[in-house]
Protein backbone atom coordinates (compact mmCIF):
# COMPACT_ATOMS: atom_id res chain seq x y z
CA MET A 1 3.04 -0.69 -33.25
CA ALA A 2 6.04 -2.20 -35.01
CA TRP A 3 7.18 -3.67 -31.69
CA VAL A 4 4.24 -6.06 -31.70
CA ARG A 5 5.64 -7.92 -34.70
CA TYR A 6 8.77 -8.73 -32.72
CA LEU A 7 6.61 -10.91 -30.50
CA ALA A 8 6.67 -13.49 -33.29
CA VAL A 9 10.31 -14.20 -32.42
CA LEU A 10 9.44 -15.37 -28.90
CA PRO A 11 8.06 -18.81 -29.86
CA PHE A 12 11.10 -19.48 -32.03
CA VAL A 13 13.50 -18.59 -29.24
CA GLY A 14 11.43 -20.38 -26.61
CA LEU A 15 11.19 -23.64 -28.50
CA LEU A 16 14.81 -23.77 -29.60
CA GLY A 17 16.27 -22.40 -26.39
CA GLY A 18 14.31 -24.77 -24.19
CA VAL A 19 15.74 -27.84 -25.86
CA PHE A 20 19.17 -27.15 -24.42
CA PHE A 21 17.96 -26.35 -20.91
CA PHE A 22 15.06 -28.76 -20.38
CA ASN A 23 16.31 -31.94 -22.04
CA ARG A 24 15.62 -34.17 -19.02
CA VAL A 25 13.34 -37.11 -18.41
CA THR A 26 13.12 -37.27 -14.61
CA PRO A 27 10.83 -34.38 -13.73
CA LEU A 28 7.40 -35.22 -15.10
CA VAL A 29 4.85 -32.50 -15.76
CA PHE A 30 1.31 -33.86 -16.19
CA GLY A 31 2.86 -37.26 -16.97
CA MET A 32 5.08 -35.89 -19.74
CA PRO A 33 8.85 -35.48 -19.68
CA LEU A 34 9.94 -31.92 -19.02
CA LEU A 35 11.01 -31.24 -22.62
CA LEU A 36 7.70 -32.42 -24.04
CA ALA A 37 5.80 -30.29 -21.53
CA TRP A 38 7.97 -27.31 -22.54
CA ILE A 39 7.15 -27.83 -26.21
CA VAL A 40 3.41 -28.15 -25.49
CA LEU A 41 3.54 -24.97 -23.39
CA TRP A 42 5.15 -23.04 -26.25
CA ILE A 43 2.61 -24.34 -28.75
CA LEU A 44 -0.15 -22.89 -26.58
CA LEU A 45 1.77 -19.66 -25.99
CA THR A 46 2.36 -19.34 -29.74
CA ALA A 47 -1.40 -19.29 -30.32
CA VAL A 48 -1.81 -16.58 -27.67
CA ILE A 49 1.06 -14.50 -29.07
CA MET A 50 -0.26 -14.74 -32.64
CA THR A 51 -3.70 -13.65 -31.42
CA VAL A 52 -2.14 -10.57 -29.80
CA ILE A 53 -0.26 -9.78 -33.01
CA TYR A 54 -3.41 -10.20 -35.09
CA ARG A 55 -5.51 -7.97 -32.85
CA CYS A 56 -2.88 -5.21 -32.69
CA ASP A 57 -2.40 -5.06 -36.46
CA PRO A 58 -4.38 -2.12 -37.87
CA GLU A 59 -4.86 -3.86 -41.23
CA ASN A 60 -7.09 -6.43 -39.54
CA ALA A 61 -9.50 -3.86 -38.12
CA ASP A 62 -13.09 -3.96 -39.29
CA PRO A 63 -13.86 -1.26 -41.83
CA ALA A 64 -16.24 1.43 -40.66
CA PRO A 65 -19.74 0.85 -41.99
CA ASP A 66 -20.86 3.30 -44.64
CA LEU A 67 -23.95 4.85 -43.05
CA GLY A 68 -24.57 7.32 -45.86
CA ALA A 69 -25.33 4.78 -48.55
CA ARG A 70 -28.45 2.71 -48.05
CA ARG A 71 -29.54 -0.14 -50.19
CA THR A 72 -33.04 -0.03 -51.55
CA ARG A 73 -35.06 -2.93 -52.73
CA PRO A 74 -35.82 -3.04 -56.44
């Protein structure tokens, strides 16, 4: 599962790499210049990628409930 942590590099590369390729004003995407739309897209994708990383991390799993020990009222 160590490969999942490498997903965190994708937003970094996507945001910085896109600046060089999409630095144009003419094509508008939803009324925004192309570079701004690219940045907004990567902000949304970053949230999705971090959710995948969080869910795949075994340290974030819910602990198994202890069925043997029951609490009694005093």
